[in-house]
C-alpha atoms as a PDB file:
ATOM      1  CA  UNK A   1     -26.754  45.823  25.348  1.00  0.00           C
ATOM      2  CA  UNK A   2     -28.719  46.163  21.686  1.00  0.00           C
ATOM      3  CA  UNK A   3     -27.127  45.835  18.462  1.00  0.00           C
ATOM      4  CA  UNK A   4     -28.383  46.310  14.926  1.00  0.00           C
ATOM      5  CA  UNK A   5     -26.468  43.172  13.026  1.00  0.00           C
ATOM      6  CA  UNK A   6     -25.868  41.001  16.273  1.00  0.00           C
ATOM      7  CA  UNK A   7     -27.621  39.278  18.982  1.00  0.00           C
ATOM      8  CA  UNK A   8     -25.434  39.833  22.238  1.00  0.00           C
ATOM      9  CA  UNK A   9     -26.610  37.750  25.700  1.00  0.00           C
ATOM     10  CA  UNK A  10     -24.578  37.213  28.960  1.00  0.00           C
ATOM     11  CA  UNK A  11     -26.100  33.957  30.621  1.00  0.00           C
ATOM     12  CA  UNK A  12     -24.183  31.726  33.090  1.00  0.00           C
ATOM     13  CA  UNK A  13     -20.885  32.768  32.510  1.00  0.00           C
ATOM     14  CA  UNK A  14     -21.291  32.634  28.946  1.00  0.00           C
ATOM     15  CA  UNK A  15     -21.368  35.406  26.323  1.00  0.00           C
ATOM     16  CA  UNK A  16     -22.793  34.304  23.012  1.00  0.00           C
ATOM     17  CA  UNK A  17     -21.875  36.965  20.030  1.00  0.00           C
ATOM     18  CA  UNK A  18     -24.325  36.048  17.827  1.00  0.00           C
ATOM     19  CA  UNK A  19     -23.568  37.571  13.986  1.00  0.00           C
ATOM     20  CA  UNK A  20     -27.465  38.339  12.692  1.00  0.00           C
ATOM     21  CA  UNK A  21     -27.999  39.179   9.149  1.00  0.00           C
ATOM     22  CA  UNK A  22     -29.039  35.631   7.768  1.00  0.00           C
ATOM     23  CA  UNK A  23     -30.369  36.987   4.756  1.00  0.00           C
ATOM     24  CA  UNK A  24     -26.917  37.698   3.466  1.00  0.00           C
ATOM     25  CA  UNK A  25     -25.659  34.768   5.073  1.00  0.00           C
ATOM     26  CA  UNK A  26     -24.004  37.165   7.731  1.00  0.00           C
ATOM     27  CA  UNK A  27     -21.614  39.227   5.462  1.00  0.00           C
ATOM     28  CA  UNK A  28     -19.813  41.844   7.200  1.00  0.00           C
ATOM     29  CA  UNK A  29     -21.021  45.411   6.422  1.00  0.00           C
ATOM     30  CA  UNK A  30     -19.777  48.187   8.320  1.00  0.00           C
ATOM     31  CA  UNK A  31     -22.368  48.012  11.096  1.00  0.00           C
ATOM     32  CA  UNK A  32     -21.720  44.277  11.724  1.00  0.00           C
ATOM     33  CA  UNK A  33     -18.135  45.057  12.390  1.00  0.00           C
ATOM     34  CA  UNK A  34     -18.789  48.403  14.321  1.00  0.00           C
ATOM     35  CA  UNK A  35     -21.413  46.060  16.482  1.00  0.00           C
ATOM     36  CA  UNK A  36     -19.259  43.071  16.775  1.00  0.00           C
ATOM     37  CA  UNK A  37     -16.248  45.595  17.644  1.00  0.00           C
ATOM     38  CA  UNK A  38     -18.376  46.979  20.923  1.00  0.00           C
ATOM     39  CA  UNK A  39     -19.471  43.301  21.546  1.00  0.00           C
ATOM     40  CA  UNK A  40     -16.165  41.872  21.831  1.00  0.00           C
ATOM     41  CA  UNK A  41     -15.093  45.297  24.223  1.00  0.00           C
ATOM     42  CA  UNK A  42     -18.148  44.434  26.639  1.00  0.00           C
ATOM     43  CA  UNK A  43     -16.879  40.790  27.149  1.00  0.00           C
ATOM     44  CA  UNK A  44     -13.497  41.704  27.598  1.00  0.00           C
ATOM     45  CA  UNK A  45     -14.101  44.313  30.654  1.00  0.00           C
ATOM     46  CA  UNK A  46     -17.488  42.171  31.937  1.00  0.00           C
ATOM     47  CA  UNK A  47     -16.933  40.089  34.947  1.00  0.00           C
ATOM     48  CA  UNK A  48     -20.138  38.231  33.952  1.00  0.00           C
ATOM     49  CA  UNK A  49     -18.690  36.853  31.247  1.00  0.00           C
ATOM     50  CA  UNK A  50     -15.957  33.915  31.566  1.00  0.00           C
ATOM     51  CA  UNK A  51     -16.228  32.379  28.005  1.00  0.00           C
ATOM     52  CA  UNK A  52     -17.432  33.975  25.024  1.00  0.00           C
ATOM     53  CA  UNK A  53     -18.996  32.001  21.895  1.00  0.00           C
ATOM     54  CA  UNK A  54     -18.930  33.218  18.482  1.00  0.00           C
ATOM     55  CA  UNK A  55     -21.154  31.986  16.076  1.00  0.00           C
ATOM     56  CA  UNK A  56     -24.347  32.662  12.970  1.00  0.00           C
ATOM     57  CA  UNK A  57     -27.616  32.984  12.742  1.00  0.00           C
ATOM     58  CA  UNK A  58     -28.971  30.946   9.806  1.00  0.00           C
ATOM     59  CA  UNK A  59     -27.459  28.654   7.690  1.00  0.00           C
ATOM     60  CA  UNK A  60     -24.085  30.435   7.731  1.00  0.00           C
ATOM     61  CA  UNK A  61     -21.266  31.548  10.320  1.00  0.00           C
ATOM     62  CA  UNK A  62     -19.898  34.595   8.075  1.00  0.00           C
ATOM     63  CA  UNK A  63     -19.580  34.475   4.450  1.00  0.00           C
ATOM     64  CA  UNK A  64     -17.018  37.117   4.621  1.00  0.00           C
ATOM     65  CA  UNK A  65     -17.349  40.710   3.134  1.00  0.00           C
ATOM     66  CA  UNK A  66     -20.429  42.016   1.997  1.00  0.00           C
ATOM     67  CA  UNK A  67     -19.866  42.699  -1.027  1.00  0.00           C
ATOM     68  CA  UNK A  68     -23.098  45.161  -1.742  1.00  0.00           C
ATOM     69  CA  UNK A  69     -22.130  46.980   0.977  1.00  0.00           C
ATOM     70  CA  UNK A  70     -20.202  49.541  -1.608  1.00  0.00           C
ATOM     71  CA  UNK A  71     -19.406  52.767  -0.928  1.00  0.00           C
ATOM     72  CA  UNK A  72     -21.475  55.925  -1.307  1.00  0.00           C
ATOM     73  CA  UNK A  73     -21.214  57.771  -4.385  1.00  0.00           C
ATOM     74  CA  UNK A  74     -19.637  55.074  -6.192  1.00  0.00           C
ATOM     75  CA  UNK A  75     -16.205  56.104  -4.855  1.00  0.00           C
ATOM     76  CA  UNK A  76     -13.694  53.056  -4.823  1.00  0.00           C
ATOM     77  CA  UNK A  77     -13.370  50.878  -1.713  1.00  0.00           C
ATOM     78  CA  UNK A  78     -10.241  51.955   0.392  1.00  0.00           C
ATOM     79  CA  UNK A  79      -9.274  48.372   1.400  1.00  0.00           C
ATOM     80  CA  UNK A  80      -6.504  49.607   3.880  1.00  0.00           C
ATOM     81  CA  UNK A  81      -8.829  51.831   5.552  1.00  0.00           C
ATOM     82  CA  UNK A  82     -11.686  48.942   5.439  1.00  0.00           C
ATOM     83  CA  UNK A  83      -8.510  46.679   7.492  1.00  0.00           C
ATOM     84  CA  UNK A  84      -7.092  49.340   9.557  1.00  0.00           C
ATOM     85  CA  UNK A  85     -10.531  50.482  10.796  1.00  0.00           C
ATOM     86  CA  UNK A  86     -12.986  47.642  10.793  1.00  0.00           C
ATOM     87  CA  UNK A  87     -11.190  44.100  10.802  1.00  0.00           C
ATOM     88  CA  UNK A  88      -7.878  44.056  12.380  1.00  0.00           C
ATOM     89  CA  UNK A  89      -9.158  45.620  15.373  1.00  0.00           C
ATOM     90  CA  UNK A  90     -11.692  43.117  15.794  1.00  0.00           C
ATOM     91  CA  UNK A  91      -8.994  40.157  15.158  1.00  0.00           C
ATOM     92  CA  UNK A  92      -6.563  42.028  17.675  1.00  0.00           C
ATOM     93  CA  UNK A  93      -9.519  42.449  20.427  1.00  0.00           C
ATOM     94  CA  UNK A  94     -10.298  38.565  19.942  1.00  0.00           C
ATOM     95  CA  UNK A  95      -6.245  37.251  20.489  1.00  0.00           C
ATOM     96  CA  UNK A  96      -5.754  39.434  23.220  1.00  0.00           C
ATOM     97  CA  UNK A  97      -9.164  38.646  25.059  1.00  0.00           C
ATOM     98  CA  UNK A  98      -8.090  36.873  28.452  1.00  0.00           C
ATOM     99  CA  UNK A  99     -10.811  35.033  28.212  1.00  0.00           C
ATOM    100  CA  UNK A 100     -11.346  31.501  25.962  1.00  0.00           C
ATOM    101  CA  UNK A 101     -13.380  32.429  22.835  1.00  0.00           C
ATOM    102  CA  UNK A 102     -14.957  29.096  21.158  1.00  0.00           C
ATOM    103  CA  UNK A 103     -16.178  29.952  17.552  1.00  0.00           C
ATOM    104  CA  UNK A 104     -19.354  28.069  16.435  1.00  0.00           C
ATOM    105  CA  UNK A 105     -19.355  27.007  12.664  1.00  0.00           C
ATOM    106  CA  UNK A 106     -22.718  26.533  12.553  1.00  0.00           C
ATOM    107  CA  UNK A 107     -22.313  26.964   8.116  1.00  0.00           C
ATOM    108  CA  UNK A 108     -20.282  28.078   5.810  1.00  0.00           C
ATOM    109  CA  UNK A 109     -16.620  30.356   6.863  1.00  0.00           C
ATOM    110  CA  UNK A 110     -15.712  31.786   4.303  1.00  0.00           C
ATOM    111  CA  UNK A 111     -13.236  34.859   3.178  1.00  0.00           C
ATOM    112  CA  UNK A 112     -12.842  37.275   6.747  1.00  0.00           C
ATOM    113  CA  UNK A 113     -15.462  35.508   8.034  1.00  0.00           C
ATOM    114  CA  UNK A 114     -13.321  32.522   8.665  1.00  0.00           C
ATOM    115  CA  UNK A 115     -10.420  34.899   9.785  1.00  0.00           C
ATOM    116  CA  UNK A 116     -12.887  35.581  12.460  1.00  0.00           C
ATOM    117  CA  UNK A 117     -13.451  31.919  13.209  1.00  0.00           C
ATOM    118  CA  UNK A 118      -9.462  31.199  13.014  1.00  0.00           C
ATOM    119  CA  UNK A 119      -9.017  34.060  15.598  1.00  0.00           C
ATOM    120  CA  UNK A 120     -10.942  32.140  18.058  1.00  0.00           C
ATOM    121  CA  UNK A 121      -8.997  30.235  20.902  1.00  0.00           C
ATOM    122  CA  UNK A 122     -11.230  26.787  19.466  1.00  0.00           C
ATOM    123  CA  UNK A 123     -13.347  25.804  17.138  1.00  0.00           C
ATOM    124  CA  UNK A 124     -16.793  23.862  17.001  1.00  0.00           C
ATOM    125  CA  UNK A 125     -18.122  22.926  13.251  1.00  0.00           C
ATOM    126  CA  UNK A 126     -21.291  21.457  12.082  1.00  0.00           C
ATOM    127  CA  UNK A 127     -21.015  18.255   9.904  1.00  0.00           C
ATOM    128  CA  UNK A 128     -22.812  20.597   7.051  1.00  0.00           C
ATOM    129  CA  UNK A 129     -20.703  23.740   7.522  1.00  0.00           C
ATOM    130  CA  UNK A 130     -17.476  24.320   5.098  1.00  0.00           C
ATOM    131  CA  UNK A 131     -14.483  26.518   5.284  1.00  0.00           C
ATOM    132  CA  UNK A 132     -13.790  28.563   2.264  1.00  0.00           C
ATOM    133  CA  UNK A 133     -10.900  30.943   1.161  1.00  0.00           C
ATOM    134  CA  UNK A 134     -12.705  32.963  -1.175  1.00  0.00           C
ATOM    135  CA  UNK A 135     -10.364  35.985  -1.466  1.00  0.00           C
ATOM    136  CA  UNK A 136      -8.684  34.489  -4.575  1.00  0.00           C
ATOM    137  CA  UNK A 137     -12.240  33.726  -6.129  1.00  0.00           C
ATOM    138  CA  UNK A 138     -12.230  37.748  -6.716  1.00  0.00           C
ATOM    139  CA  UNK A 139      -8.601  38.825  -7.079  1.00  0.00           C
ATOM    140  CA  UNK A 140      -7.431  39.486  -3.764  1.00  0.00           C
ATOM    141  CA  UNK A 141      -5.091  38.009  -1.077  1.00  0.00           C
ATOM    142  CA  UNK A 142      -6.200  36.477   2.714  1.00  0.00           C
ATOM    143  CA  UNK A 143      -6.688  39.271   5.481  1.00  0.00           C
ATOM    144  CA  UNK A 144      -7.642  39.458   8.918  1.00  0.00           C
ATOM    145  CA  UNK A 145      -4.688  37.486   9.897  1.00  0.00           C
ATOM    146  CA  UNK A 146      -5.654  34.852   7.518  1.00  0.00           C
ATOM    147  CA  UNK A 147      -1.941  34.969   6.335  1.00  0.00           C
ATOM    148  CA  UNK A 148      -1.314  34.195   9.888  1.00  0.00           C
ATOM    149  CA  UNK A 149      -3.276  31.688  10.834  1.00  0.00           C
ATOM    150  CA  UNK A 150      -2.994  29.285   7.342  1.00  0.00           C
ATOM    151  CA  UNK A 151       0.546  28.864   7.651  1.00  0.00           C
ATOM    152  CA  UNK A 152       0.625  27.863  10.984  1.00  0.00           C
ATOM    153  CA  UNK A 153      -2.582  25.125  11.081  1.00  0.00           C
ATOM    154  CA  UNK A 154      -1.665  23.881   7.743  1.00  0.00           C
ATOM    155  CA  UNK A 155       1.771  24.265   7.181  1.00  0.00           C
ATOM    156  CA  UNK A 156       3.154  25.947   4.168  1.00  0.00           C
ATOM    157  CA  UNK A 157       2.401  24.030   0.856  1.00  0.00           C
ATOM    158  CA  UNK A 158      -1.054  23.521   2.563  1.00  0.00           C
ATOM    159  CA  UNK A 159      -1.846  26.928   3.233  1.00  0.00           C
ATOM    160  CA  UNK A 160      -0.780  28.184  -0.244  1.00  0.00           C
ATOM    161  CA  UNK A 161      -2.624  25.505  -2.097  1.00  0.00           C
ATOM    162  CA  UNK A 162      -5.938  26.468  -0.197  1.00  0.00           C
ATOM    163  CA  UNK A 163      -5.258  30.054  -0.260  1.00  0.00           C
ATOM    164  CA  UNK A 164      -4.898  30.104  -3.953  1.00  0.00           C
ATOM    165  CA  UNK A 165      -7.076  27.550  -5.620  1.00  0.00           C
ATOM    166  CA  UNK A 166     -10.120  28.158  -3.608  1.00  0.00           C
ATOM    167  CA  UNK A 167     -11.117  24.649  -2.381  1.00  0.00           C
ATOM    168  CA  UNK A 168     -13.235  24.425   0.338  1.00  0.00           C
ATOM    169  CA  UNK A 169     -12.725  22.262   3.563  1.00  0.00           C
ATOM    170  CA  UNK A 170     -15.186  20.102   4.936  1.00  0.00           C
ATOM    171  CA  UNK A 171     -15.519  19.727   7.665  1.00  0.00           C
ATOM    172  CA  UNK A 172     -14.142  16.126   8.296  1.00  0.00           C
ATOM    173  CA  UNK A 173     -11.099  17.473   6.390  1.00  0.00           C
ATOM    174  CA  UNK A 174     -10.855  20.624   8.886  1.00  0.00           C
ATOM    175  CA  UNK A 175     -11.165  18.045  12.063  1.00  0.00           C
ATOM    176  CA  UNK A 176      -8.545  15.551  10.197  1.00  0.00           C
ATOM    177  CA  UNK A 177      -5.849  18.846   9.730  1.00  0.00           C
ATOM    178  CA  UNK A 178      -7.103  19.770  13.303  1.00  0.00           C
ATOM    179  CA  UNK A 179      -8.235  23.182  12.366  1.00  0.00           C
ATOM    180  CA  UNK A 180     -11.368  22.328  14.526  1.00  0.00           C
ATOM    181  CA  UNK A 181     -11.525  20.631  17.624  1.00  0.00           C
ATOM    182  CA  UNK A 182     -14.867  18.736  17.481  1.00  0.00           C
ATOM    183  CA  UNK A 183     -17.265  18.141  14.611  1.00  0.00           C
ATOM    184  CA  UNK A 184     -21.325  17.776  15.478  1.00  0.00           C
ATOM    185  CA  UNK A 185     -24.105  17.049  13.699  1.00  0.00           C
ATOM    186  CA  UNK A 186     -26.195  19.925  12.769  1.00  0.00           C
ATOM    187  CA  UNK A 187     -29.197  18.993  15.173  1.00  0.00           C
ATOM    188  CA  UNK A 188     -26.522  18.437  17.919  1.00  0.00           C
ATOM    189  CA  UNK A 189     -24.788  21.474  17.307  1.00  0.00           C
ATOM    190  CA  UNK A 190     -26.417  23.694  19.560  1.00  0.00           C
ATOM    191  CA  UNK A 191     -26.335  21.713  22.385  1.00  0.00           C
ATOM    192  CA  UNK A 192     -22.690  20.778  22.014  1.00  0.00           C
ATOM    193  CA  UNK A 193     -21.706  24.044  21.692  1.00  0.00           C
ATOM    194  CA  UNK A 194     -23.100  25.559  24.794  1.00  0.00           C
ATOM    195  CA  UNK A 195     -22.009  22.589  26.844  1.00  0.00           C
ATOM    196  CA  UNK A 196     -18.441  23.394  25.953  1.00  0.00           C
ATOM    197  CA  UNK A 197     -18.737  26.689  26.638  1.00  0.00           C
ATOM    198  CA  UNK A 198     -20.329  25.844  30.162  1.00  0.00           C
ATOM    199  CA  UNK A 199     -17.346  23.773  30.965  1.00  0.00           C
ATOM    200  CA  UNK A 200     -14.819  27.062  30.180  1.00  0.00           C
ATOM    201  CA  UNK A 201     -17.334  29.446  32.007  1.00  0.00           C
ATOM    202  CA  UNK A 202     -16.945  27.117  35.269  1.00  0.00           C
ATOM    203  CA  UNK A 203     -13.054  26.943  34.683  1.00  0.00           C
ATOM    204  CA  UNK A 204      -9.998  28.724  36.522  1.00  0.00           C
ATOM    205  CA  UNK A 205     -10.705  31.914  33.850  1.00  0.00           C
ATOM    206  CA  UNK A 206      -7.407  34.147  34.816  1.00  0.00           C
ATOM    207  CA  UNK A 207      -5.629  30.848  34.562  1.00  0.00           C
ATOM    208  CA  UNK A 208      -7.215  30.353  31.287  1.00  0.00           C
ATOM    209  CA  UNK A 209      -6.034  33.953  29.832  1.00  0.00           C
ATOM    210  CA  UNK A 210      -2.525  33.294  31.196  1.00  0.00           C
ATOM    211  CA  UNK A 211      -2.128  30.520  29.062  1.00  0.00           C
ATOM    212  CA  UNK A 212      -3.897  32.090  25.789  1.00  0.00           C
ATOM    213  CA  UNK A 213      -1.212  34.690  26.365  1.00  0.00           C
ATOM    214  CA  UNK A 214       1.693  32.364  27.006  1.00  0.00           C
ATOM    215  CA  UNK A 215       1.185  30.071  24.227  1.00  0.00           C
ATOM    216  CA  UNK A 216       0.920  32.733  21.519  1.00  0.00           C
ATOM    217  CA  UNK A 217       4.269  34.479  23.056  1.00  0.00           C
ATOM    218  CA  UNK A 218       5.663  30.661  22.523  1.00  0.00           C
ATOM    219  CA  UNK A 219       5.061  30.764  18.898  1.00  0.00           C
ATOM    220  CA  UNK A 220       7.647  33.337  18.555  1.00  0.00           C
ATOM    221  CA  UNK A 221       9.649  33.448  21.727  1.00  0.00           C
ATOM    222  CA  UNK A 222      12.973  30.964  22.511  1.00  0.00           C
ATOM    223  CA  UNK A 223      12.730  28.575  25.349  1.00  0.00           C
ATOM    224  CA  UNK A 224      14.715  30.730  27.537  1.00  0.00           C
ATOM    225  CA  UNK A 225      12.081  33.441  26.950  1.00  0.00           C
ATOM    226  CA  UNK A 226       9.288  31.393  27.802  1.00  0.00           C
ATOM    227  CA  UNK A 227      11.017  29.943  30.944  1.00  0.00           C
ATOM    228  CA  UNK A 228      11.270  33.167  32.378  1.00  0.00           C
ATOM    229  CA  UNK A 229       7.443  34.306  31.196  1.00  0.00           C
ATOM    230  CA  UNK A 230       6.110  30.700  32.771  1.00  0.00           C
ATOM    231  CA  UNK A 231       7.809  31.620  36.178  1.00  0.00           C
ATOM    232  CA  UNK A 232       6.088  35.006  35.996  1.00  0.00           C
ATOM    233  CA  UNK A 233       2.811  33.952  35.594  1.00  0.00           C
ATOM    234  CA  UNK A 234       3.129  30.775  37.914  1.00  0.00           C
ATOM    235  CA  UNK A 235       3.469  33.093  40.606  1.00  0.00           C
ATOM    236  CA  UNK A 236       0.423  34.653  39.254  1.00  0.00           C
ATOM    237  CA  UNK A 237      -1.598  32.074  39.103  1.00  0.00           C
ATOM    238  CA  UNK A 238      -0.562  31.132  42.264  1.00  0.00           C
ATOM    239  CA  UNK A 239      -1.431  34.286  44.362  1.00  0.00           C
ATOM    240  CA  UNK A 240      -5.229  33.496  42.818  1.00  0.00           C
ATOM    241  CA  UNK A 241      -8.103  32.544  44.822  1.00  0.00           C
ATOM    242  CA  UNK A 242      -9.170  29.880  41.957  1.00  0.00           C
ATOM    243  CA  UNK A 243      -5.556  28.212  43.181  1.00  0.00           C
ATOM    244  CA  UNK A 244      -6.180  28.094  46.937  1.00  0.00           C
ATOM    245  CA  UNK A 245      -9.962  26.930  45.923  1.00  0.00           C
ATOM    246  CA  UNK A 246      -8.363  24.298  43.382  1.00  0.00           C
ATOM    247  CA  UNK A 247      -5.804  22.879  45.769  1.00  0.00           C
ATOM    248  CA  UNK A 248      -8.033  23.175  48.758  1.00  0.00           C
ATOM    249  CA  UNK A 249     -10.503  20.768  46.934  1.00  0.00           C
ATOM    250  CA  UNK A 250      -7.643  18.369  45.680  1.00  0.00           C
ATOM    251  CA  UNK A 251      -7.485  17.798  49.626  1.00  0.00           C
ATOM    252  CA  UNK A 252     -10.804  17.686  50.076  1.00  0.00           C
ATOM    253  CA  UNK A 253     -11.626  14.935  47.186  1.00  0.00           C
ATOM    254  CA  UNK A 254     -14.402  17.368  45.754  1.00  0.00           C
ATOM    255  CA  UNK A 255     -15.180  19.198  42.665  1.00  0.00           C
ATOM    256  CA  UNK A 256     -13.685  22.540  43.142  1.00  0.00           C
ATOM    257  CA  UNK A 257     -15.544  25.647  42.273  1.00  0.00           C
ATOM    258  CA  UNK A 258     -13.974  28.024  40.528  1.00  0.00           C
ATOM    259  CA  UNK A 259     -14.707  31.852  40.447  1.00  0.00           C
ATOM    260  CA  UNK A 260     -12.667  33.471  37.827  1.00  0.00           C
ATOM    261  CA  UNK A 261      -9.981  35.535  39.966  1.00  0.00           C
END
């Protein structure tokens, strides 16, 4: 697959999506959101993809909506349409994808670009990168799932402060707050990101998908509901080829070779 504004490669089980508008700090124009939706759709169904990496080219991860991408003929931008048609489908696709998604935050992640990073399952961040709320600076509210992710990661008070004061969060602060899993020096960042992705690409992909689904359900369900859900999905996991391989490898005292099924 070829795209205008992103790079998409599949290698050794890792589908790497690179936002590729470095001249604009990977700001999201109409074409980028269209390309990203298509790449995520392929990664979801492509059996060769067992883990997805989402990162940015150049100095930024994604600086958010491209404010220069104005509507034609000078008409007023329809923000509701933009969210329903462009951004919300991306966030939903990322959260529903039954495979791990790792955001490689190589540089600034701002506005809707930050929402993309927060929609991933895991975040690895360069020590030189920053998380920027950005919306309030132009008198807009956080969107693309931000009002869902912020309070769950930061708690209400910190989320309110971040969303209203627009004070950037450094990599060290993001690590302390639990927003990212790892902070890596810029030169070591690409190798560390790929090593993390490789680990997931070699794991029990189907079971990862079950865990992703259940953890999201567990955020809004009761204990009894989750106990029932666990019983259903545990049986599904137990019927998998990877479960049989895992048990066999354990008994044979060797590392398992999972196929993702």
